[in-house]
Amino acid sequence: MTIRLIVAEDHFAVRAGLVAYLDEQTDMEVVGEAENGLAACELVRDLAPDLVLMDVRMPVMDGIEATRTVKVEHPGTVVLLISAYEQAELVAAGTDAGADGFLLKGSGGEALVARVRELAA
């Protein structure tokens, strides 16, 4: 099974790194990239991915609101929130919005891949 992903991250270099790392995995395919939450929601509508890797803080529409939209429109799509900050209110807001998981950006590639596999299973 190939896990089809969208990566939503506003910082180009971070997004490019995440996409490159995830695309190296034999069981993962990045099918779309978004620079904000609104673009992520549009891609989910168009591409129906298995999982969205969603940054919490983005312009236009943040990751929390985008998660809420994705989960209402496509409840079967898994959303893994990522953030540079481990703040209890961010985790709580993500959970309330329907996020399936939360991961710190500094967790490393192996932790990211393991979490994606776990949530997609």
PDB file of N, CA and C in Angstrom:
ATOM      1  N   MET A   1       0.831  -1.185   0.000  1.00  0.00           N
ATOM      2  CA  MET A   1       0.000   0.000   0.000  1.00  0.00           C
ATOM      3  C   MET A   1       0.878   1.251   0.000  1.00  0.00           C
ATOM      4  N   THR A   2       0.560   2.192  -0.854  1.00  0.00           N
ATOM      5  CA  THR A   2       1.269   3.468  -0.888  1.00  0.00           C
ATOM      6  C   THR A   2       0.432   4.514  -0.176  1.00  0.00           C
ATOM      7  N   ILE A   3       1.048   5.224   0.747  1.00  0.00           N
ATOM      8  CA  ILE A   3       0.379   6.289   1.487  1.00  0.00           C
ATOM      9  C   ILE A   3       0.505   7.566   0.667  1.00  0.00           C
ATOM     10  N   ARG A   4      -0.628   8.126   0.260  1.00  0.00           N
ATOM     11  CA  ARG A   4      -0.649   9.355  -0.534  1.00  0.00           C
ATOM     12  C   ARG A   4      -0.779  10.547   0.409  1.00  0.00           C
ATOM     13  N   LEU A   5       0.176  11.486   0.296  1.00  0.00           N
ATOM     14  CA  LEU A   5       0.263  12.594   1.248  1.00  0.00           C
ATOM     15  C   LEU A   5       0.200  13.958   0.575  1.00  0.00           C
ATOM     16  N   ILE A   6      -0.292  14.917   1.330  1.00  0.00           N
ATOM     17  CA  ILE A   6      -0.140  16.333   1.010  1.00  0.00           C
ATOM     18  C   ILE A   6       0.676  16.936   2.134  1.00  0.00           C
ATOM     19  N   VAL A   7       1.648  17.769   1.775  1.00  0.00           N
ATOM     20  CA  VAL A   7       2.464  18.473   2.759  1.00  0.00           C
ATOM     21  C   VAL A   7       2.071  19.949   2.723  1.00  0.00           C
ATOM     22  N   ALA A   8       1.561  20.453   3.845  1.00  0.00           N
ATOM     23  CA  ALA A   8       1.159  21.854   3.968  1.00  0.00           C
ATOM     24  C   ALA A   8       2.103  22.544   4.950  1.00  0.00           C
ATOM     25  N   GLU A   9       2.952  23.401   4.414  1.00  0.00           N
ATOM     26  CA  GLU A   9       3.991  24.098   5.194  1.00  0.00           C
ATOM     27  C   GLU A   9       4.317  25.392   4.472  1.00  0.00           C
ATOM     28  N   ASP A  10       4.286  26.508   5.196  1.00  0.00           N
ATOM     29  CA  ASP A  10       4.491  27.792   4.532  1.00  0.00           C
ATOM     30  C   ASP A  10       5.947  28.121   4.230  1.00  0.00           C
ATOM     31  N   HIS A  11       6.887  27.553   4.925  1.00  0.00           N
ATOM     32  CA  HIS A  11       8.307  27.816   4.653  1.00  0.00           C
ATOM     33  C   HIS A  11       8.795  26.876   3.551  1.00  0.00           C
ATOM     34  N   PHE A  12       9.193  27.459   2.427  1.00  0.00           N
ATOM     35  CA  PHE A  12       9.558  26.672   1.254  1.00  0.00           C
ATOM     36  C   PHE A  12      10.638  25.633   1.551  1.00  0.00           C
ATOM     37  N   ALA A  13      11.710  26.042   2.226  1.00  0.00           N
ATOM     38  CA  ALA A  13      12.823  25.118   2.473  1.00  0.00           C
ATOM     39  C   ALA A  13      12.393  23.949   3.361  1.00  0.00           C
ATOM     40  N   VAL A  14      11.586  24.224   4.370  1.00  0.00           N
ATOM     41  CA  VAL A  14      11.096  23.169   5.254  1.00  0.00           C
ATOM     42  C   VAL A  14      10.192  22.227   4.462  1.00  0.00           C
ATOM     43  N   ARG A  15       9.284  22.811   3.673  1.00  0.00           N
ATOM     44  CA  ARG A  15       8.376  21.994   2.865  1.00  0.00           C
ATOM     45  C   ARG A  15       9.152  21.116   1.888  1.00  0.00           C
ATOM     46  N   ALA A  16      10.141  21.703   1.225  1.00  0.00           N
ATOM     47  CA  ALA A  16      10.943  20.941   0.258  1.00  0.00           C
ATOM     48  C   ALA A  16      11.669  19.792   0.941  1.00  0.00           C
ATOM     49  N   GLY A  17      12.185  20.026   2.131  1.00  0.00           N
ATOM     50  CA  GLY A  17      12.865  18.968   2.872  1.00  0.00           C
ATOM     51  C   GLY A  17      11.921  17.846   3.276  1.00  0.00           C
ATOM     52  N   LEU A  18      10.738  18.211   3.747  1.00  0.00           N
ATOM     53  CA  LEU A  18       9.750  17.201   4.125  1.00  0.00           C
ATOM     54  C   LEU A  18       9.323  16.374   2.918  1.00  0.00           C
ATOM     55  N   VAL A  19       9.064  17.056   1.807  1.00  0.00           N
ATOM     56  CA  VAL A  19       8.641  16.359   0.591  1.00  0.00           C
ATOM     57  C   VAL A  19       9.732  15.402   0.124  1.00  0.00           C
ATOM     58  N   ALA A  20      10.973  15.868   0.089  1.00  0.00           N
ATOM     59  CA  ALA A  20      12.075  15.018  -0.373  1.00  0.00           C
ATOM     60  C   ALA A  20      12.222  13.791   0.523  1.00  0.00           C
ATOM     61  N   TYR A  21      12.154  13.987   1.829  1.00  0.00           N
ATOM     62  CA  TYR A  21      12.330  12.872   2.758  1.00  0.00           C
ATOM     63  C   TYR A  21      11.188  11.865   2.635  1.00  0.00           C
ATOM     64  N   LEU A  22       9.961  12.352   2.578  1.00  0.00           N
ATOM     65  CA  LEU A  22       8.812  11.455   2.489  1.00  0.00           C
ATOM     66  C   LEU A  22       8.777  10.723   1.155  1.00  0.00           C
ATOM     67  N   ASP A  23       9.127  11.413   0.080  1.00  0.00           N
ATOM     68  CA  ASP A  23       9.135  10.778  -1.241  1.00  0.00           C
ATOM     69  C   ASP A  23      10.202   9.689  -1.365  1.00  0.00           C
ATOM     70  N   GLU A  24      11.223   9.731  -0.518  1.00  0.00           N
ATOM     71  CA  GLU A  24      12.258   8.684  -0.524  1.00  0.00           C
ATOM     72  C   GLU A  24      11.732   7.361   0.023  1.00  0.00           C
ATOM     73  N   GLN A  25      10.648   7.412   0.766  1.00  0.00           N
ATOM     74  CA  GLN A  25      10.091   6.200   1.367  1.00  0.00           C
ATOM     75  C   GLN A  25       9.365   5.399   0.287  1.00  0.00           C
ATOM     76  N   THR A  26       9.613   4.120   0.233  1.00  0.00           N
ATOM     77  CA  THR A  26       9.022   3.297  -0.823  1.00  0.00           C
ATOM     78  C   THR A  26       7.509   3.143  -0.692  1.00  0.00           C
ATOM     79  N   ASP A  27       6.977   3.398   0.498  1.00  0.00           N
ATOM     80  CA  ASP A  27       5.536   3.242   0.715  1.00  0.00           C
ATOM     81  C   ASP A  27       4.796   4.576   0.822  1.00  0.00           C
ATOM     82  N   MET A  28       5.458   5.677   0.402  1.00  0.00           N
ATOM     83  CA  MET A  28       4.840   6.999   0.497  1.00  0.00           C
ATOM     84  C   MET A  28       5.019   7.765  -0.800  1.00  0.00           C
ATOM     85  N   GLU A  29       3.998   8.569  -1.132  1.00  0.00           N
ATOM     86  CA  GLU A  29       4.046   9.422  -2.310  1.00  0.00           C
ATOM     87  C   GLU A  29       3.415  10.762  -1.956  1.00  0.00           C
ATOM     88  N   VAL A  30       4.193  11.835  -2.095  1.00  0.00           N
ATOM     89  CA  VAL A  30       3.653  13.173  -1.886  1.00  0.00           C
ATOM     90  C   VAL A  30       2.940  13.575  -3.176  1.00  0.00           C
ATOM     91  N   VAL A  31       1.625  13.733  -3.093  1.00  0.00           N
ATOM     92  CA  VAL A  31       0.825  14.043  -4.276  1.00  0.00           C
ATOM     93  C   VAL A  31       0.508  15.527  -4.397  1.00  0.00           C
ATOM     94  N   GLY A  32       0.822  16.306  -3.351  1.00  0.00           N
ATOM     95  CA  GLY A  32       0.561  17.740  -3.396  1.00  0.00           C
ATOM     96  C   GLY A  32       1.288  18.484  -2.312  1.00  0.00           C
ATOM     97  N   GLU A  33       1.529  19.766  -2.592  1.00  0.00           N
ATOM     98  CA  GLU A  33       2.179  20.659  -1.642  1.00  0.00           C
ATOM     99  C   GLU A  33       1.370  21.941  -1.537  1.00  0.00           C
ATOM    100  N   ALA A  34       1.262  22.466  -0.315  1.00  0.00           N
ATOM    101  CA  ALA A  34       0.508  23.701  -0.091  1.00  0.00           C
ATOM    102  C   ALA A  34       1.315  24.634   0.797  1.00  0.00           C
ATOM    103  N   GLU A  35       1.199  25.930   0.509  1.00  0.00           N
ATOM    104  CA  GLU A  35       1.916  26.936   1.284  1.00  0.00           C
ATOM    105  C   GLU A  35       1.043  27.588   2.355  1.00  0.00           C
ATOM    106  N   ASN A  36      -0.244  27.198   2.411  1.00  0.00           N
ATOM    107  CA  ASN A  36      -1.131  27.707   3.454  1.00  0.00           C
ATOM    108  C   ASN A  36      -2.305  26.737   3.619  1.00  0.00           C
ATOM    109  N   GLY A  37      -3.094  26.970   4.640  1.00  0.00           N
ATOM    110  CA  GLY A  37      -4.190  26.066   4.939  1.00  0.00           C
ATOM    111  C   GLY A  37      -5.291  26.044   3.905  1.00  0.00           C
ATOM    112  N   LEU A  38      -5.572  27.192   3.316  1.00  0.00           N
ATOM    113  CA  LEU A  38      -6.602  27.249   2.283  1.00  0.00           C
ATOM    114  C   LEU A  38      -6.204  26.410   1.075  1.00  0.00           C
ATOM    115  N   ALA A  39      -4.961  26.546   0.648  1.00  0.00           N
ATOM    116  CA  ALA A  39      -4.459  25.743  -0.480  1.00  0.00           C
ATOM    117  C   ALA A  39      -4.480  24.260  -0.129  1.00  0.00           C
ATOM    118  N   ALA A  40      -4.186  23.920   1.120  1.00  0.00           N
ATOM    119  CA  ALA A  40      -4.231  22.517   1.549  1.00  0.00           C
ATOM    120  C   ALA A  40      -5.647  21.961   1.425  1.00  0.00           C
ATOM    121  N   CYS A  41      -6.636  22.727   1.852  1.00  0.00           N
ATOM    122  CA  CYS A  41      -8.030  22.277   1.761  1.00  0.00           C
ATOM    123  C   CYS A  41      -8.431  22.053   0.306  1.00  0.00           C
ATOM    124  N   GLU A  42      -8.013  22.945  -0.575  1.00  0.00           N
ATOM    125  CA  GLU A  42      -8.330  22.803  -1.995  1.00  0.00           C
ATOM    126  C   GLU A  42      -7.677  21.544  -2.574  1.00  0.00           C
ATOM    127  N   LEU A  43      -6.423  21.285  -2.171  1.00  0.00           N
ATOM    128  CA  LEU A  43      -5.745  20.081  -2.650  1.00  0.00           C
ATOM    129  C   LEU A  43      -6.415  18.811  -2.140  1.00  0.00           C
ATOM    130  N   VAL A  44      -6.874  18.829  -0.901  1.00  0.00           N
ATOM    131  CA  VAL A  44      -7.567  17.659  -0.355  1.00  0.00           C
ATOM    132  C   VAL A  44      -8.824  17.382  -1.176  1.00  0.00           C
ATOM    133  N   ARG A  45      -9.550  18.434  -1.520  1.00  0.00           N
ATOM    134  CA  ARG A  45     -10.757  18.264  -2.349  1.00  0.00           C
ATOM    135  C   ARG A  45     -10.413  17.659  -3.707  1.00  0.00           C
ATOM    136  N   ASP A  46      -9.318  18.121  -4.300  1.00  0.00           N
ATOM    137  CA  ASP A  46      -8.944  17.685  -5.645  1.00  0.00           C
ATOM    138  C   ASP A  46      -8.262  16.322  -5.688  1.00  0.00           C
ATOM    139  N   LEU A  47      -7.451  16.008  -4.655  1.00  0.00           N
ATOM    140  CA  LEU A  47      -6.567  14.842  -4.726  1.00  0.00           C
ATOM    141  C   LEU A  47      -6.938  13.695  -3.796  1.00  0.00           C
ATOM    142  N   ALA A  48      -7.798  13.931  -2.827  1.00  0.00           N
ATOM    143  CA  ALA A  48      -8.231  12.904  -1.873  1.00  0.00           C
ATOM    144  C   ALA A  48      -7.060  12.084  -1.328  1.00  0.00           C
ATOM    145  N   PRO A  49      -6.121  12.733  -0.620  1.00  0.00           N
ATOM    146  CA  PRO A  49      -4.980  11.995  -0.072  1.00  0.00           C
ATOM    147  C   PRO A  49      -5.390  11.138   1.119  1.00  0.00           C
ATOM    148  N   ASP A  50      -4.495  10.244   1.495  1.00  0.00           N
ATOM    149  CA  ASP A  50      -4.713   9.449   2.705  1.00  0.00           C
ATOM    150  C   ASP A  50      -4.409  10.273   3.945  1.00  0.00           C
ATOM    151  N   LEU A  51      -3.395  11.155   3.838  1.00  0.00           N
ATOM    152  CA  LEU A  51      -2.903  11.879   5.002  1.00  0.00           C
ATOM    153  C   LEU A  51      -2.430  13.259   4.595  1.00  0.00           C
ATOM    154  N   VAL A  52      -2.677  14.234   5.471  1.00  0.00           N
ATOM    155  CA  VAL A  52      -2.160  15.588   5.291  1.00  0.00           C
ATOM    156  C   VAL A  52      -1.213  15.880   6.439  1.00  0.00           C
ATOM    157  N   LEU A  53       0.003  16.231   6.090  1.00  0.00           N
ATOM    158  CA  LEU A  53       0.984  16.707   7.069  1.00  0.00           C
ATOM    159  C   LEU A  53       0.811  18.217   7.102  1.00  0.00           C
ATOM    160  N   MET A  54       0.279  18.744   8.203  1.00  0.00           N
ATOM    161  CA  MET A  54      -0.210  20.122   8.264  1.00  0.00           C
ATOM    162  C   MET A  54       0.523  20.932   9.327  1.00  0.00           C
ATOM    163  N   ASP A  55       1.223  21.976   8.871  1.00  0.00           N
ATOM    164  CA  ASP A  55       1.836  22.918   9.803  1.00  0.00           C
ATOM    165  C   ASP A  55       0.732  23.664  10.549  1.00  0.00           C
ATOM    166  N   VAL A  56       0.954  23.955  11.804  1.00  0.00           N
ATOM    167  CA  VAL A  56      -0.050  24.648  12.604  1.00  0.00           C
ATOM    168  C   VAL A  56      -0.136  26.121  12.225  1.00  0.00           C
ATOM    169  N   ARG A  57       1.009  26.781  12.112  1.00  0.00           N
ATOM    170  CA  ARG A  57       1.019  28.229  11.865  1.00  0.00           C
ATOM    171  C   ARG A  57       1.365  28.513  10.409  1.00  0.00           C
ATOM    172  N   MET A  58       0.343  28.950   9.671  1.00  0.00           N
ATOM    173  CA  MET A  58       0.512  29.307   8.257  1.00  0.00           C
ATOM    174  C   MET A  58      -0.341  30.535   7.968  1.00  0.00           C
ATOM    175  N   PRO A  59       0.012  31.271   6.906  1.00  0.00           N
ATOM    176  CA  PRO A  59      -0.799  32.434   6.527  1.00  0.00           C
ATOM    177  C   PRO A  59      -2.088  32.008   5.819  1.00  0.00           C
ATOM    178  N   VAL A  60      -2.942  32.971   5.565  1.00  0.00           N
ATOM    179  CA  VAL A  60      -4.220  32.845   4.872  1.00  0.00           C
ATOM    180  C   VAL A  60      -5.216  32.040   5.717  1.00  0.00           C
ATOM    181  N   MET A  61      -4.909  30.771   5.983  1.00  0.00           N
ATOM    182  CA  MET A  61      -5.710  29.937   6.886  1.00  0.00           C
ATOM    183  C   MET A  61      -4.719  29.075   7.656  1.00  0.00           C
ATOM    184  N   ASP A  62      -4.789  29.139   8.989  1.00  0.00           N
ATOM    185  CA  ASP A  62      -3.824  28.351   9.774  1.00  0.00           C
ATOM    186  C   ASP A  62      -4.171  26.867   9.731  1.00  0.00           C
ATOM    187  N   GLY A  63      -3.259  26.063  10.249  1.00  0.00           N
ATOM    188  CA  GLY A  63      -3.420  24.618  10.202  1.00  0.00           C
ATOM    189  C   GLY A  63      -4.562  24.086  11.046  1.00  0.00           C
ATOM    190  N   ILE A  64      -4.913  24.795  12.102  1.00  0.00           N
ATOM    191  CA  ILE A  64      -6.022  24.361  12.956  1.00  0.00           C
ATOM    192  C   ILE A  64      -7.346  24.495  12.190  1.00  0.00           C
ATOM    193  N   GLU A  65      -7.566  25.662  11.591  1.00  0.00           N
ATOM    194  CA  GLU A  65      -8.800  25.876  10.826  1.00  0.00           C
ATOM    195  C   GLU A  65      -8.838  24.967   9.600  1.00  0.00           C
ATOM    196  N   ALA A  66      -7.701  24.787   8.953  1.00  0.00           N
ATOM    197  CA  ALA A  66      -7.645  23.898   7.789  1.00  0.00           C
ATOM    198  C   ALA A  66      -7.956  22.461   8.194  1.00  0.00           C
ATOM    199  N   THR A  67      -7.462  22.045   9.346  1.00  0.00           N
ATOM    200  CA  THR A  67      -7.764  20.702   9.852  1.00  0.00           C
ATOM    201  C   THR A  67      -9.258  20.543  10.060  1.00  0.00           C
ATOM    202  N   ARG A  68      -9.868  21.540  10.681  1.00  0.00           N
ATOM    203  CA  ARG A  68     -11.318  21.501  10.927  1.00  0.00           C
ATOM    204  C   ARG A  68     -12.069  21.338   9.594  1.00  0.00           C
ATOM    205  N   THR A  69     -11.671  22.103   8.587  1.00  0.00           N
ATOM    206  CA  THR A  69     -12.323  22.046   7.271  1.00  0.00           C
ATOM    207  C   THR A  69     -12.132  20.681   6.622  1.00  0.00           C
ATOM    208  N   VAL A  70     -10.897  20.183   6.653  1.00  0.00           N
ATOM    209  CA  VAL A  70     -10.611  18.872   6.052  1.00  0.00           C
ATOM    210  C   VAL A  70     -11.433  17.788   6.722  1.00  0.00           C
ATOM    211  N   LYS A  71     -11.490  17.798   8.041  1.00  0.00           N
ATOM    212  CA  LYS A  71     -12.182  16.728   8.761  1.00  0.00           C
ATOM    213  C   LYS A  71     -13.704  16.786   8.561  1.00  0.00           C
ATOM    214  N   VAL A  72     -14.255  17.971   8.339  1.00  0.00           N
ATOM    215  CA  VAL A  72     -15.686  18.081   8.051  1.00  0.00           C
ATOM    216  C   VAL A  72     -15.977  17.580   6.635  1.00  0.00           C
ATOM    217  N   GLU A  73     -15.161  18.010   5.679  1.00  0.00           N
ATOM    218  CA  GLU A  73     -15.407  17.667   4.277  1.00  0.00           C
ATOM    219  C   GLU A  73     -14.941  16.262   3.903  1.00  0.00           C
ATOM    220  N   HIS A  74     -13.872  15.795   4.538  1.00  0.00           N
ATOM    221  CA  HIS A  74     -13.277  14.480   4.224  1.00  0.00           C
ATOM    222  C   HIS A  74     -12.881  13.786   5.528  1.00  0.00           C
ATOM    223  N   PRO A  75     -13.840  13.301   6.288  1.00  0.00           N
ATOM    224  CA  PRO A  75     -13.542  12.748   7.615  1.00  0.00           C
ATOM    225  C   PRO A  75     -12.576  11.568   7.605  1.00  0.00           C
ATOM    226  N   GLY A  76     -12.446  10.884   6.483  1.00  0.00           N
ATOM    227  CA  GLY A  76     -11.528   9.753   6.418  1.00  0.00           C
ATOM    228  C   GLY A  76     -10.085  10.139   6.163  1.00  0.00           C
ATOM    229  N   THR A  77      -9.834  11.398   5.856  1.00  0.00           N
ATOM    230  CA  THR A  77      -8.462  11.865   5.624  1.00  0.00           C
ATOM    231  C   THR A  77      -7.785  12.092   6.966  1.00  0.00           C
ATOM    232  N   VAL A  78      -6.631  11.490   7.132  1.00  0.00           N
ATOM    233  CA  VAL A  78      -5.855  11.634   8.372  1.00  0.00           C
ATOM    234  C   VAL A  78      -5.113  12.963   8.325  1.00  0.00           C
ATOM    235  N   VAL A  79      -5.119  13.696   9.441  1.00  0.00           N
ATOM    236  CA  VAL A  79      -4.361  14.944   9.547  1.00  0.00           C
ATOM    237  C   VAL A  79      -3.362  14.819  10.687  1.00  0.00           C
ATOM    238  N   LEU A  80      -2.090  14.991  10.339  1.00  0.00           N
ATOM    239  CA  LEU A  80      -0.999  15.010  11.313  1.00  0.00           C
ATOM    240  C   LEU A  80      -0.487  16.433  11.387  1.00  0.00           C
ATOM    241  N   LEU A  81      -0.728  17.092  12.508  1.00  0.00           N
ATOM    242  CA  LEU A  81      -0.257  18.460  12.699  1.00  0.00           C
ATOM    243  C   LEU A  81       1.214  18.456  13.088  1.00  0.00           C
ATOM    244  N   ILE A  82       1.950  19.413  12.548  1.00  0.00           N
ATOM    245  CA  ILE A  82       3.349  19.585  12.931  1.00  0.00           C
ATOM    246  C   ILE A  82       3.556  21.032  13.370  1.00  0.00           C
ATOM    247  N   SER A  83       4.433  21.202  14.333  1.00  0.00           N
ATOM    248  CA  SER A  83       4.716  22.540  14.836  1.00  0.00           C
ATOM    249  C   SER A  83       6.113  22.580  15.439  1.00  0.00           C
ATOM    250  N   ALA A  84       6.689  23.750  15.410  1.00  0.00           N
ATOM    251  CA  ALA A  84       7.968  23.960  16.067  1.00  0.00           C
ATOM    252  C   ALA A  84       7.770  24.161  17.568  1.00  0.00           C
ATOM    253  N   TYR A  85       6.523  24.372  17.966  1.00  0.00           N
ATOM    254  CA  TYR A  85       6.220  24.700  19.357  1.00  0.00           C
ATOM    255  C   TYR A  85       5.338  23.639  19.991  1.00  0.00           C
ATOM    256  N   GLU A  86       5.729  23.188  21.173  1.00  0.00           N
ATOM    257  CA  GLU A  86       4.911  22.229  21.912  1.00  0.00           C
ATOM    258  C   GLU A  86       4.176  22.987  23.004  1.00  0.00           C
ATOM    259  N   GLN A  87       3.067  23.564  22.631  1.00  0.00           N
ATOM    260  CA  GLN A  87       2.250  24.310  23.570  1.00  0.00           C
ATOM    261  C   GLN A  87       0.945  23.550  23.768  1.00  0.00           C
ATOM    262  N   ALA A  88       0.566  23.402  25.010  1.00  0.00           N
ATOM    263  CA  ALA A  88      -0.630  22.626  25.327  1.00  0.00           C
ATOM    264  C   ALA A  88      -1.860  23.149  24.593  1.00  0.00           C
ATOM    265  N   GLU A  89      -1.965  24.479  24.446  1.00  0.00           N
ATOM    266  CA  GLU A  89      -3.148  25.031  23.784  1.00  0.00           C
ATOM    267  C   GLU A  89      -3.169  24.703  22.288  1.00  0.00           C
ATOM    268  N   LEU A  90      -1.991  24.563  21.662  1.00  0.00           N
ATOM    269  CA  LEU A  90      -1.944  24.161  20.252  1.00  0.00           C
ATOM    270  C   LEU A  90      -2.397  22.719  20.085  1.00  0.00           C
ATOM    271  N   VAL A  91      -1.903  21.858  20.952  1.00  0.00           N
ATOM    272  CA  VAL A  91      -2.298  20.445  20.900  1.00  0.00           C
ATOM    273  C   VAL A  91      -3.796  20.318  21.154  1.00  0.00           C
ATOM    274  N   ALA A  92      -4.308  21.045  22.139  1.00  0.00           N
ATOM    275  CA  ALA A  92      -5.739  20.990  22.458  1.00  0.00           C
ATOM    276  C   ALA A  92      -6.576  21.527  21.300  1.00  0.00           C
ATOM    277  N   ALA A  93      -6.153  22.636  20.702  1.00  0.00           N
ATOM    278  CA  ALA A  93      -6.891  23.208  19.570  1.00  0.00           C
ATOM    279  C   ALA A  93      -6.877  22.245  18.385  1.00  0.00           C
ATOM    280  N   GLY A  94      -5.746  21.600  18.145  1.00  0.00           N
ATOM    281  CA  GLY A  94      -5.656  20.621  17.062  1.00  0.00           C
ATOM    282  C   GLY A  94      -6.557  19.427  17.297  1.00  0.00           C
ATOM    283  N   THR A  95      -6.569  18.946  18.523  1.00  0.00           N
ATOM    284  CA  THR A  95      -7.427  17.813  18.878  1.00  0.00           C
ATOM    285  C   THR A  95      -8.893  18.194  18.717  1.00  0.00           C
ATOM    286  N   ASP A  96      -9.247  19.389  19.183  1.00  0.00           N
ATOM    287  CA  ASP A  96     -10.634  19.865  19.050  1.00  0.00           C
ATOM    288  C   ASP A  96     -11.043  19.998  17.586  1.00  0.00           C
ATOM    289  N   ALA A  97     -10.086  20.333  16.724  1.00  0.00           N
ATOM    290  CA  ALA A  97     -10.364  20.495  15.296  1.00  0.00           C
ATOM    291  C   ALA A  97     -10.461  19.149  14.577  1.00  0.00           C
ATOM    292  N   GLY A  98     -10.044  18.069  15.248  1.00  0.00           N
ATOM    293  CA  GLY A  98     -10.148  16.743  14.660  1.00  0.00           C
ATOM    294  C   GLY A  98      -8.840  16.135  14.199  1.00  0.00           C
ATOM    295  N   ALA A  99      -7.720  16.775  14.521  1.00  0.00           N
ATOM    296  CA  ALA A  99      -6.416  16.226  14.118  1.00  0.00           C
ATOM    297  C   ALA A  99      -6.234  14.826  14.699  1.00  0.00           C
ATOM    298  N   ASP A 100      -5.576  13.987  13.917  1.00  0.00           N
ATOM    299  CA  ASP A 100      -5.331  12.609  14.333  1.00  0.00           C
ATOM    300  C   ASP A 100      -4.025  12.450  15.084  1.00  0.00           C
ATOM    301  N   GLY A 101      -3.157  13.454  15.004  1.00  0.00           N
ATOM    302  CA  GLY A 101      -1.882  13.387  15.689  1.00  0.00           C
ATOM    303  C   GLY A 101      -1.174  14.720  15.663  1.00  0.00           C
ATOM    304  N   PHE A 102      -0.125  14.831  16.482  1.00  0.00           N
ATOM    305  CA  PHE A 102       0.657  16.053  16.609  1.00  0.00           C
ATOM    306  C   PHE A 102       2.114  15.642  16.741  1.00  0.00           C
ATOM    307  N   LEU A 103       2.989  16.323  16.006  1.00  0.00           N
ATOM    308  CA  LEU A 103       4.415  15.994  16.038  1.00  0.00           C
ATOM    309  C   LEU A 103       5.223  17.280  15.986  1.00  0.00           C
ATOM    310  N   LEU A 104       6.260  17.346  16.793  1.00  0.00           N
ATOM    311  CA  LEU A 104       7.164  18.495  16.751  1.00  0.00           C
ATOM    312  C   LEU A 104       8.057  18.402  15.524  1.00  0.00           C
ATOM    313  N   LYS A 105       8.306  19.534  14.887  1.00  0.00           N
ATOM    314  CA  LYS A 105       9.147  19.557  13.694  1.00  0.00           C
ATOM    315  C   LYS A 105      10.550  19.038  13.977  1.00  0.00           C
ATOM    316  N   GLY A 106      11.043  19.242  15.163  1.00  0.00           N
ATOM    317  CA  GLY A 106      12.383  18.797  15.512  1.00  0.00           C
ATOM    318  C   GLY A 106      12.485  17.321  15.860  1.00  0.00           C
ATOM    319  N   SER A 107      11.419  16.564  15.682  1.00  0.00           N
ATOM    320  CA  SER A 107      11.418  15.150  16.066  1.00  0.00           C
ATOM    321  C   SER A 107      12.324  14.280  15.212  1.00  0.00           C
ATOM    322  N   GLY A 108      12.626  14.705  14.012  1.00  0.00           N
ATOM    323  CA  GLY A 108      13.502  13.922  13.142  1.00  0.00           C
ATOM    324  C   GLY A 108      12.728  13.100  12.136  1.00  0.00           C
ATOM    325  N   GLY A 109      13.413  12.741  11.075  1.00  0.00           N
ATOM    326  CA  GLY A 109      12.801  12.027   9.963  1.00  0.00           C
ATOM    327  C   GLY A 109      12.249  10.669  10.318  1.00  0.00           C
ATOM    328  N   GLU A 110      12.982   9.909  11.115  1.00  0.00           N
ATOM    329  CA  GLU A 110      12.511   8.565  11.464  1.00  0.00           C
ATOM    330  C   GLU A 110      11.215   8.617  12.272  1.00  0.00           C
ATOM    331  N   ALA A 111      11.129   9.576  13.187  1.00  0.00           N
ATOM    332  CA  ALA A 111       9.910   9.723  13.990  1.00  0.00           C
ATOM    333  C   ALA A 111       8.741  10.158  13.105  1.00  0.00           C
ATOM    334  N   LEU A 112       9.009  11.041  12.152  1.00  0.00           N
ATOM    335  CA  LEU A 112       7.970  11.500  11.241  1.00  0.00           C
ATOM    336  C   LEU A 112       7.427  10.338  10.412  1.00  0.00           C
ATOM    337  N   VAL A 113       8.312   9.571   9.813  1.00  0.00           N
ATOM    338  CA  VAL A 113       7.903   8.442   8.976  1.00  0.00           C
ATOM    339  C   VAL A 113       7.144   7.405   9.807  1.00  0.00           C
ATOM    340  N   ALA A 114       7.630   7.121  11.000  1.00  0.00           N
ATOM    341  CA  ALA A 114       6.952   6.150  11.865  1.00  0.00           C
ATOM    342  C   ALA A 114       5.546   6.629  12.212  1.00  0.00           C
ATOM    343  N   ARG A 115       5.401   7.913  12.505  1.00  0.00           N
ATOM    344  CA  ARG A 115       4.075   8.456  12.874  1.00  0.00           C
ATOM    345  C   ARG A 115       3.127   8.430  11.681  1.00  0.00           C
ATOM    346  N   VAL A 116       3.636   8.778  10.491  1.00  0.00           N
ATOM    347  CA  VAL A 116       2.806   8.730   9.290  1.00  0.00           C
ATOM    348  C   VAL A 116       2.319   7.305   9.050  1.00  0.00           C
ATOM    349  N   ARG A 117       3.211   6.351   9.152  1.00  0.00           N
ATOM    350  CA  ARG A 117       2.825   4.941   8.940  1.00  0.00           C
ATOM    351  C   ARG A 117       1.802   4.498   9.977  1.00  0.00           C
ATOM    352  N   GLU A 118       2.031   4.871  11.219  1.00  0.00           N
ATOM    353  CA  GLU A 118       1.125   4.485  12.299  1.00  0.00           C
ATOM    354  C   GLU A 118      -0.282   5.041  12.055  1.00  0.00           C
ATOM    355  N   LEU A 119      -0.366   6.317  11.708  1.00  0.00           N
ATOM    356  CA  LEU A 119      -1.678   6.945  11.520  1.00  0.00           C
ATOM    357  C   LEU A 119      -2.377   6.472  10.250  1.00  0.00           C
ATOM    358  N   ALA A 120      -1.605   6.138   9.234  1.00  0.00           N
ATOM    359  CA  ALA A 120      -2.196   5.710   7.963  1.00  0.00           C
ATOM    360  C   ALA A 120      -2.656   4.260   7.998  1.00  0.00           C
ATOM    361  N   ALA A 121      -2.180   3.502   8.986  1.00  0.00           N
ATOM    362  CA  ALA A 121      -2.515   2.070   9.061  1.00  0.00           C
ATOM    363  C   ALA A 121      -3.962   1.841   9.444  1.00  0.00           C
TER     364      ALA A 121
END
